[in-house]
Each structure stands twice: as C-alpha cells, then as structure tokens.
Full PDB file with SEQRES, HELIX, SHEET, SSBOND, CRYST1, ORIGX, SCALE, CONECT and MASTER records, all heavy atoms in Angstrom:
SEQRES   1 A   29  ASN ILE TRP GLU SER PHE ARG ASP LYS HIS GLU GLU ASN          
SEQRES   2 A   29  ILE ASP PRO ILE SER ASP LYS GLU GLY LEU PRO ASN LEU          
SEQRES   3 A   29  ASP THR ASN                                                  
HELIX    1 AA1 ILE A    2  ASN A   13  1                                  12    
HELIX    2 AA2 ASP A   15  GLU A   21  1                                   7    
CRYST1    1.000    1.000    1.000  90.00  90.00  90.00 P 1           1          
ORIGX1      1.000000  0.000000  0.000000        0.00000                         
ORIGX2      0.000000  1.000000  0.000000        0.00000                         
ORIGX3      0.000000  0.000000  1.000000        0.00000                         
SCALE1      1.000000  0.000000  0.000000        0.00000                         
SCALE2      0.000000  1.000000  0.000000        0.00000                         
SCALE3      0.000000  0.000000  1.000000        0.00000                         
ATOM      1  N   ASN A   1       9.680  93.424-109.381  1.00  0.00           N  
ATOM      2  CA  ASN A   1      10.339  94.723-109.486  1.00  0.00           C  
ATOM      3  C   ASN A   1       9.757  95.559-110.621  1.00  0.00           C  
ATOM      4  O   ASN A   1       9.503  96.761-110.473  1.00  0.00           O  
ATOM      5  CB  ASN A   1      11.844  94.542-109.680  1.00  0.00           C  
ATOM      6  CG  ASN A   1      12.524  93.979-108.446  1.00  0.00           C  
ATOM      7  OD1 ASN A   1      12.035  94.152-107.327  1.00  0.00           O  
ATOM      8  ND2 ASN A   1      13.638  93.296-108.646  1.00  0.00           N  
ATOM      9  N   ILE A   2       9.561  94.906-111.771  1.00  0.00           N  
ATOM     10  CA  ILE A   2       9.017  95.633-112.914  1.00  0.00           C  
ATOM     11  C   ILE A   2       7.593  96.075-112.624  1.00  0.00           C  
ATOM     12  O   ILE A   2       7.216  97.219-112.910  1.00  0.00           O  
ATOM     13  CB  ILE A   2       9.067  94.758-114.186  1.00  0.00           C  
ATOM     14  CG1 ILE A   2      10.517  94.540-114.608  1.00  0.00           C  
ATOM     15  CG2 ILE A   2       8.278  95.413-115.322  1.00  0.00           C  
ATOM     16  CD1 ILE A   2      10.683  93.615-115.800  1.00  0.00           C  
ATOM     17  N   TRP A   3       6.790  95.182-112.036  1.00  0.00           N  
ATOM     18  CA  TRP A   3       5.398  95.531-111.746  1.00  0.00           C  
ATOM     19  C   TRP A   3       5.312  96.709-110.772  1.00  0.00           C  
ATOM     20  O   TRP A   3       4.561  97.667-110.999  1.00  0.00           O  
ATOM     21  CB  TRP A   3       4.630  94.349-111.172  1.00  0.00           C  
ATOM     22  CG  TRP A   3       3.289  94.779-110.635  1.00  0.00           C  
ATOM     23  CD1 TRP A   3       2.912  94.885-109.336  1.00  0.00           C  
ATOM     24  CD2 TRP A   3       2.190  95.274-111.413  1.00  0.00           C  
ATOM     25  NE1 TRP A   3       1.639  95.393-109.245  1.00  0.00           N  
ATOM     26  CE2 TRP A   3       1.169  95.632-110.494  1.00  0.00           C  
ATOM     27  CE3 TRP A   3       1.968  95.439-112.769  1.00  0.00           C  
ATOM     28  CZ2 TRP A   3      -0.051  96.153-110.917  1.00  0.00           C  
ATOM     29  CZ3 TRP A   3       0.755  95.949-113.187  1.00  0.00           C  
ATOM     30  CH2 TRP A   3      -0.240  96.298-112.278  1.00  0.00           C  
ATOM     31  N   GLU A   4       6.077  96.650-109.690  1.00  0.00           N  
ATOM     32  CA  GLU A   4       5.993  97.710-108.681  1.00  0.00           C  
ATOM     33  C   GLU A   4       6.480  99.040-109.239  1.00  0.00           C  
ATOM     34  O   GLU A   4       5.926 100.100-108.916  1.00  0.00           O  
ATOM     35  CB  GLU A   4       6.776  97.307-107.435  1.00  0.00           C  
ATOM     36  CG  GLU A   4       6.097  96.161-106.666  1.00  0.00           C  
ATOM     37  CD  GLU A   4       6.833  95.779-105.398  1.00  0.00           C  
ATOM     38  OE1 GLU A   4       8.002  96.217-105.228  1.00  0.00           O  
ATOM     39  OE2 GLU A   4       6.252  95.040-104.578  1.00  0.00           O  
ATOM     40  N   SER A   5       7.491  98.996-110.086  1.00  0.00           N  
ATOM     41  CA  SER A   5       7.964 100.227-110.729  1.00  0.00           C  
ATOM     42  C   SER A   5       6.900 100.784-111.669  1.00  0.00           C  
ATOM     43  O   SER A   5       6.632 101.992-111.682  1.00  0.00           O  
ATOM     44  CB  SER A   5       9.255  99.935-111.504  1.00  0.00           C  
ATOM     45  OG  SER A   5       9.656 101.061-112.255  1.00  0.00           O  
ATOM     46  N   PHE A   6       6.289  99.910-112.462  1.00  0.00           N  
ATOM     47  CA  PHE A   6       5.214 100.305-113.387  1.00  0.00           C  
ATOM     48  C   PHE A   6       4.030 100.887-112.614  1.00  0.00           C  
ATOM     49  O   PHE A   6       3.493 101.945-112.975  1.00  0.00           O  
ATOM     50  CB  PHE A   6       4.789  99.088-114.199  1.00  0.00           C  
ATOM     51  CG  PHE A   6       3.607  99.322-115.106  1.00  0.00           C  
ATOM     52  CD1 PHE A   6       3.736 100.073-116.268  1.00  0.00           C  
ATOM     53  CD2 PHE A   6       2.354  98.789-114.800  1.00  0.00           C  
ATOM     54  CE1 PHE A   6       2.648 100.303-117.107  1.00  0.00           C  
ATOM     55  CE2 PHE A   6       1.265  99.003-115.627  1.00  0.00           C  
ATOM     56  CZ  PHE A   6       1.417  99.758-116.784  1.00  0.00           C  
ATOM     57  N   ARG A   7       3.635 100.216-111.552  1.00  0.00           N  
ATOM     58  CA  ARG A   7       2.514 100.685-110.730  1.00  0.00           C  
ATOM     59  C   ARG A   7       2.808 102.034-110.091  1.00  0.00           C  
ATOM     60  O   ARG A   7       1.966 102.945-110.125  1.00  0.00           O  
ATOM     61  CB  ARG A   7       2.225  99.649-109.635  1.00  0.00           C  
ATOM     62  CG  ARG A   7       1.117 100.024-108.661  1.00  0.00           C  
ATOM     63  CD  ARG A   7       1.256  99.247-107.365  1.00  0.00           C  
ATOM     64  NE  ARG A   7       2.511  99.583-106.688  1.00  0.00           N  
ATOM     65  CZ  ARG A   7       3.091  98.803-105.772  1.00  0.00           C  
ATOM     66  NH1 ARG A   7       2.555  97.646-105.445  1.00  0.00           N  
ATOM     67  NH2 ARG A   7       4.215  99.190-105.185  1.00  0.00           N  
ATOM     68  N   ASP A   8       3.994 102.170-109.511  1.00  0.00           N  
ATOM     69  CA  ASP A   8       4.338 103.422-108.828  1.00  0.00           C  
ATOM     70  C   ASP A   8       4.395 104.593-109.809  1.00  0.00           C  
ATOM     71  O   ASP A   8       3.939 105.706-109.493  1.00  0.00           O  
ATOM     72  CB  ASP A   8       5.685 103.278-108.111  1.00  0.00           C  
ATOM     73  CG  ASP A   8       5.622 102.293-106.938  1.00  0.00           C  
ATOM     74  OD1 ASP A   8       4.498 101.923-106.539  1.00  0.00           O  
ATOM     75  OD2 ASP A   8       6.693 101.888-106.452  1.00  0.00           O  
ATOM     76  N   LYS A   9       4.953 104.353-110.992  1.00  0.00           N  
ATOM     77  CA  LYS A   9       5.016 105.421-112.007  1.00  0.00           C  
ATOM     78  C   LYS A   9       3.608 105.824-112.448  1.00  0.00           C  
ATOM     79  O   LYS A   9       3.322 107.010-112.649  1.00  0.00           O  
ATOM     80  CB  LYS A   9       5.847 104.944-113.202  1.00  0.00           C  
ATOM     81  CG  LYS A   9       6.036 105.975-114.312  1.00  0.00           C  
ATOM     82  CD  LYS A   9       6.867 107.158-113.846  1.00  0.00           C  
ATOM     83  CE  LYS A   9       8.322 106.805-113.667  1.00  0.00           C  
ATOM     84  NZ  LYS A   9       9.047 106.555-114.914  1.00  0.00           N  
ATOM     85  N   HIS A  10       2.717 104.848-112.569  1.00  0.00           N  
ATOM     86  CA  HIS A  10       1.338 105.136-112.947  1.00  0.00           C  
ATOM     87  C   HIS A  10       0.648 105.979-111.866  1.00  0.00           C  
ATOM     88  O   HIS A  10      -0.009 106.986-112.174  1.00  0.00           O  
ATOM     89  CB  HIS A  10       0.567 103.827-113.139  1.00  0.00           C  
ATOM     90  CG  HIS A  10      -0.842 104.013-113.637  1.00  0.00           C  
ATOM     91  ND1 HIS A  10      -1.169 104.003-114.969  1.00  0.00           N  
ATOM     92  CD2 HIS A  10      -2.013 104.256-112.976  1.00  0.00           C  
ATOM     93  CE1 HIS A  10      -2.469 104.218-115.112  1.00  0.00           C  
ATOM     94  NE2 HIS A  10      -2.994 104.370-113.911  1.00  0.00           N  
ATOM     95  N   GLU A  11       0.802 105.580-110.643  1.00  0.00           N  
ATOM     96  CA  GLU A  11       0.167 106.314-109.541  1.00  0.00           C  
ATOM     97  C   GLU A  11       0.725 107.727-109.420  1.00  0.00           C  
ATOM     98  O   GLU A  11      -0.011 108.675-109.127  1.00  0.00           O  
ATOM     99  CB  GLU A  11       0.353 105.547-108.224  1.00  0.00           C  
ATOM    100  CG  GLU A  11      -0.432 104.236-108.183  1.00  0.00           C  
ATOM    101  CD  GLU A  11      -0.183 103.438-106.918  1.00  0.00           C  
ATOM    102  OE1 GLU A  11       0.732 103.831-106.141  1.00  0.00           O  
ATOM    103  OE2 GLU A  11      -0.880 102.432-106.695  1.00  0.00           O  
ATOM    104  N   GLU A  12       2.010 107.869-109.678  1.00  0.00           N  
ATOM    105  CA  GLU A  12       2.651 109.188-109.598  1.00  0.00           C  
ATOM    106  C   GLU A  12       2.157 110.121-110.698  1.00  0.00           C  
ATOM    107  O   GLU A  12       1.899 111.307-110.449  1.00  0.00           O  
ATOM    108  CB  GLU A  12       4.169 109.006-109.696  1.00  0.00           C  
ATOM    109  CG  GLU A  12       4.945 110.313-109.720  1.00  0.00           C  
ATOM    110  CD  GLU A  12       6.430 110.106-109.990  1.00  0.00           C  
ATOM    111  OE1 GLU A  12       6.893 108.944-109.920  1.00  0.00           O  
ATOM    112  OE2 GLU A  12       7.115 111.097-110.298  1.00  0.00           O  
ATOM    113  N   ASN A  13       1.981 109.591-111.912  1.00  0.00           N  
ATOM    114  CA  ASN A  13       1.649 110.431-113.059  1.00  0.00           C  
ATOM    115  C   ASN A  13       0.154 110.565-113.335  1.00  0.00           C  
ATOM    116  O   ASN A  13      -0.316 111.634-113.718  1.00  0.00           O  
ATOM    117  CB  ASN A  13       2.324 109.872-114.318  1.00  0.00           C  
ATOM    118  CG  ASN A  13       3.830 110.043-114.300  1.00  0.00           C  
ATOM    119  OD1 ASN A  13       4.360 110.945-113.660  1.00  0.00           O  
ATOM    120  ND2 ASN A  13       4.534 109.162-114.987  1.00  0.00           N  
ATOM    121  N   ILE A  14      -0.586 109.479-113.182  1.00  0.00           N  
ATOM    122  CA  ILE A  14      -1.976 109.450-113.626  1.00  0.00           C  
ATOM    123  C   ILE A  14      -2.969 109.782-112.519  1.00  0.00           C  
ATOM    124  O   ILE A  14      -3.951 110.501-112.747  1.00  0.00           O  
ATOM    125  CB  ILE A  14      -2.323 108.074-114.230  1.00  0.00           C  
ATOM    126  CG1 ILE A  14      -1.310 107.700-115.316  1.00  0.00           C  
ATOM    127  CG2 ILE A  14      -3.744 108.078-114.786  1.00  0.00           C  
ATOM    128  CD1 ILE A  14      -1.211 108.704-116.450  1.00  0.00           C  
ATOM    129  N   ASP A  15      -2.722 109.285-111.319  1.00  0.00           N  
ATOM    130  CA  ASP A  15      -3.690 109.500-110.234  1.00  0.00           C  
ATOM    131  C   ASP A  15      -3.981 110.980-109.969  1.00  0.00           C  
ATOM    132  O   ASP A  15      -5.144 111.357-109.756  1.00  0.00           O  
ATOM    133  CB  ASP A  15      -3.215 108.816-108.951  1.00  0.00           C  
ATOM    134  CG  ASP A  15      -3.381 107.297-109.023  1.00  0.00           C  
ATOM    135  OD1 ASP A  15      -3.836 106.814-110.087  1.00  0.00           O  
ATOM    136  OD2 ASP A  15      -3.059 106.601-108.041  1.00  0.00           O  
ATOM    137  N   PRO A  16      -2.964 111.863-109.969  1.00  0.00           N  
ATOM    138  CA  PRO A  16      -3.266 113.292-109.750  1.00  0.00           C  
ATOM    139  C   PRO A  16      -4.204 113.868-110.813  1.00  0.00           C  
ATOM    140  O   PRO A  16      -5.041 114.729-110.517  1.00  0.00           O  
ATOM    141  CB  PRO A  16      -1.890 113.957-109.803  1.00  0.00           C  
ATOM    142  CG  PRO A  16      -0.926 112.882-109.429  1.00  0.00           C  
ATOM    143  CD  PRO A  16      -1.503 111.628-110.029  1.00  0.00           C  
ATOM    144  N   ILE A  17      -4.067 113.403-112.056  1.00  0.00           N  
ATOM    145  CA  ILE A  17      -4.938 113.882-113.135  1.00  0.00           C  
ATOM    146  C   ILE A  17      -6.364 113.390-112.910  1.00  0.00           C  
ATOM    147  O   ILE A  17      -7.332 114.144-113.070  1.00  0.00           O  
ATOM    148  CB  ILE A  17      -4.404 113.407-114.497  1.00  0.00           C  
ATOM    149  CG1 ILE A  17      -3.018 114.013-114.760  1.00  0.00           C  
ATOM    150  CG2 ILE A  17      -5.371 113.785-115.622  1.00  0.00           C  
ATOM    151  CD1 ILE A  17      -2.325 113.471-115.996  1.00  0.00           C  
ATOM    152  N   SER A  18      -6.505 112.136-112.508  1.00  0.00           N  
ATOM    153  CA  SER A  18      -7.829 111.581-112.219  1.00  0.00           C  
ATOM    154  C   SER A  18      -8.482 112.306-111.052  1.00  0.00           C  
ATOM    155  O   SER A  18      -9.687 112.595-111.082  1.00  0.00           O  
ATOM    156  CB  SER A  18      -7.721 110.082-111.899  1.00  0.00           C  
ATOM    157  OG  SER A  18      -7.191 109.368-112.990  1.00  0.00           O  
ATOM    158  N   ASP A  19      -7.686 112.604-110.019  1.00  0.00           N  
ATOM    159  CA  ASP A  19      -8.230 113.257-108.820  1.00  0.00           C  
ATOM    160  C   ASP A  19      -8.781 114.650-109.129  1.00  0.00           C  
ATOM    161  O   ASP A  19      -9.725 115.108-108.481  1.00  0.00           O  
ATOM    162  CB  ASP A  19      -7.155 113.347-107.740  1.00  0.00           C  
ATOM    163  CG  ASP A  19      -6.754 111.978-107.197  1.00  0.00           C  
ATOM    164  OD1 ASP A  19      -7.527 111.015-107.402  1.00  0.00           O  
ATOM    165  OD2 ASP A  19      -5.665 111.873-106.602  1.00  0.00           O  
ATOM    166  N   LYS A  20      -8.186 115.328-110.112  1.00  0.00           N  
ATOM    167  CA  LYS A  20      -8.626 116.680-110.454  1.00  0.00           C  
ATOM    168  C   LYS A  20      -9.930 116.699-111.249  1.00  0.00           C  
ATOM    169  O   LYS A  20     -10.580 117.747-111.367  1.00  0.00           O  
ATOM    170  CB  LYS A  20      -7.542 117.408-111.252  1.00  0.00           C  
ATOM    171  CG  LYS A  20      -6.323 117.802-110.426  1.00  0.00           C  
ATOM    172  CD  LYS A  20      -5.298 118.524-111.297  1.00  0.00           C  
ATOM    173  CE  LYS A  20      -4.068 118.911-110.487  1.00  0.00           C  
ATOM    174  NZ  LYS A  20      -3.046 119.591-111.326  1.00  0.00           N  
ATOM    175  N   GLU A  21     -10.322 115.554-111.796  1.00  0.00           N  
ATOM    176  CA  GLU A  21     -11.505 115.516-112.657  1.00  0.00           C  
ATOM    177  C   GLU A  21     -12.797 115.796-111.905  1.00  0.00           C  
ATOM    178  O   GLU A  21     -13.718 116.405-112.433  1.00  0.00           O  
ATOM    179  CB  GLU A  21     -11.634 114.136-113.316  1.00  0.00           C  
ATOM    180  CG  GLU A  21     -10.735 113.923-114.501  1.00  0.00           C  
ATOM    181  CD  GLU A  21     -11.087 112.650-115.219  1.00  0.00           C  
ATOM    182  OE1 GLU A  21     -11.052 111.570-114.587  1.00  0.00           O  
ATOM    183  OE2 GLU A  21     -11.406 112.723-116.422  1.00  0.00           O  
ATOM    184  N   GLY A  22     -12.875 115.322-110.675  1.00  0.00           N  
ATOM    185  CA  GLY A  22     -14.140 115.448-109.956  1.00  0.00           C  
ATOM    186  C   GLY A  22     -15.158 114.437-110.448  1.00  0.00           C  
ATOM    187  O   GLY A  22     -14.848 113.542-111.239  1.00  0.00           O  
ATOM    188  N   LEU A  23     -16.399 114.579-110.007  1.00  0.00           N  
ATOM    189  CA  LEU A  23     -17.452 113.631-110.375  1.00  0.00           C  
ATOM    190  C   LEU A  23     -17.988 113.927-111.776  1.00  0.00           C  
ATOM    191  O   LEU A  23     -18.059 115.082-112.186  1.00  0.00           O  
ATOM    192  CB  LEU A  23     -18.596 113.700-109.359  1.00  0.00           C  
ATOM    193  CG  LEU A  23     -18.235 113.288-107.921  1.00  0.00           C  
ATOM    194  CD1 LEU A  23     -19.416 113.530-106.982  1.00  0.00           C  
ATOM    195  CD2 LEU A  23     -17.803 111.828-107.867  1.00  0.00           C  
ATOM    196  N   PRO A  24     -18.373 112.880-112.516  1.00  0.00           N  
ATOM    197  CA  PRO A  24     -18.928 113.102-113.858  1.00  0.00           C  
ATOM    198  C   PRO A  24     -20.322 113.709-113.787  1.00  0.00           C  
ATOM    199  O   PRO A  24     -21.053 113.496-112.824  1.00  0.00           O  
ATOM    200  CB  PRO A  24     -18.980 111.692-114.458  1.00  0.00           C  
ATOM    201  CG  PRO A  24     -19.102 110.788-113.269  1.00  0.00           C  
ATOM    202  CD  PRO A  24     -18.301 111.443-112.183  1.00  0.00           C  
ATOM    203  N   ASN A  25     -20.680 114.461-114.815  1.00  0.00           N  
ATOM    204  CA  ASN A  25     -22.008 115.066-114.888  1.00  0.00           C  
ATOM    205  C   ASN A  25     -22.943 114.146-115.673  1.00  0.00           C  
ATOM    206  O   ASN A  25     -22.824 114.022-116.893  1.00  0.00           O  
ATOM    207  CB  ASN A  25     -21.917 116.436-115.567  1.00  0.00           C  
ATOM    208  CG  ASN A  25     -23.284 117.068-115.763  1.00  0.00           C  
ATOM    209  OD1 ASN A  25     -24.226 116.750-115.029  1.00  0.00           O  
ATOM    210  ND2 ASN A  25     -23.411 117.952-116.727  1.00  0.00           N  
ATOM    211  N   LEU A  26     -23.862 113.491-114.969  1.00  0.00           N  
ATOM    212  CA  LEU A  26     -24.814 112.592-115.623  1.00  0.00           C  
ATOM    213  C   LEU A  26     -26.139 113.283-115.913  1.00  0.00           C  
ATOM    214  O   LEU A  26     -27.022 112.708-116.547  1.00  0.00           O  
ATOM    215  CB  LEU A  26     -25.063 111.354-114.754  1.00  0.00           C  
ATOM    216  CG  LEU A  26     -23.821 110.525-114.385  1.00  0.00           C  
ATOM    217  CD1 LEU A  26     -24.238 109.282-113.604  1.00  0.00           C  
ATOM    218  CD2 LEU A  26     -23.020 110.130-115.610  1.00  0.00           C  
ATOM    219  N   ASP A  27     -26.279 114.515-115.441  1.00  0.00           N  
ATOM    220  CA  ASP A  27     -27.517 115.263-115.666  1.00  0.00           C  
ATOM    221  C   ASP A  27     -27.348 116.148-116.898  1.00  0.00           C  
ATOM    222  O   ASP A  27     -27.103 117.344-116.810  1.00  0.00           O  
ATOM    223  CB  ASP A  27     -27.838 116.111-114.428  1.00  0.00           C  
ATOM    224  CG  ASP A  27     -29.191 116.806-114.554  1.00  0.00           C  
ATOM    225  OD1 ASP A  27     -29.998 116.358-115.399  1.00  0.00           O  
ATOM    226  OD2 ASP A  27     -29.428 117.782-113.822  1.00  0.00           O  
ATOM    227  N   THR A  28     -27.449 115.527-118.054  1.00  0.00           N  
ATOM    228  CA  THR A  28     -27.216 116.238-119.307  1.00  0.00           C  
ATOM    229  C   THR A  28     -28.127 115.675-120.381  1.00  0.00           C  
ATOM    230  O   THR A  28     -28.566 114.518-120.287  1.00  0.00           O  
ATOM    231  CB  THR A  28     -25.742 116.089-119.748  1.00  0.00           C  
ATOM    232  OG1 THR A  28     -25.568 116.623-121.050  1.00  0.00           O  
ATOM    233  CG2 THR A  28     -25.311 114.640-119.754  1.00  0.00           C  
ATOM    234  N   ASN A  29     -28.419 116.464-121.383  1.00  0.00           N  
ATOM    235  CA  ASN A  29     -29.320 116.007-122.441  1.00  0.00           C  
ATOM    236  C   ASN A  29     -28.682 114.959-123.343  1.00  0.00           C  
ATOM    237  O   ASN A  29     -29.374 114.120-123.922  1.00  0.00           O  
ATOM    238  CB  ASN A  29     -29.773 117.205-123.293  1.00  0.00           C  
ATOM    239  CG  ASN A  29     -30.703 118.124-122.535  1.00  0.00           C  
ATOM    240  OD1 ASN A  29     -31.454 117.676-121.669  1.00  0.00           O  
ATOM    241  ND2 ASN A  29     -30.651 119.413-122.829  1.00  0.00           N  
TER     242      ASN A  29                                                      
MASTER        0    0    0    2    0    0    0    6  241    1    0    3          
END                                                                             
C-alpha cells in the first residue's frame, strides 16, 4: 500500500515535469 501510494504520487507530480523537458542537447561546446 505504501509503495503504490508513493509510486502513484511520484508519477502524478514528477512525470509531467519530465515529459515537458524534451530531449537533451548534446551538441554543445
């Protein structure tokens, strides 16, 4: 119960922020 609650809260709060980041820029000096 604790794990699933922790996981669901993480997915609800953090995943949208990660999704907005897009791909990293590796072509940089």
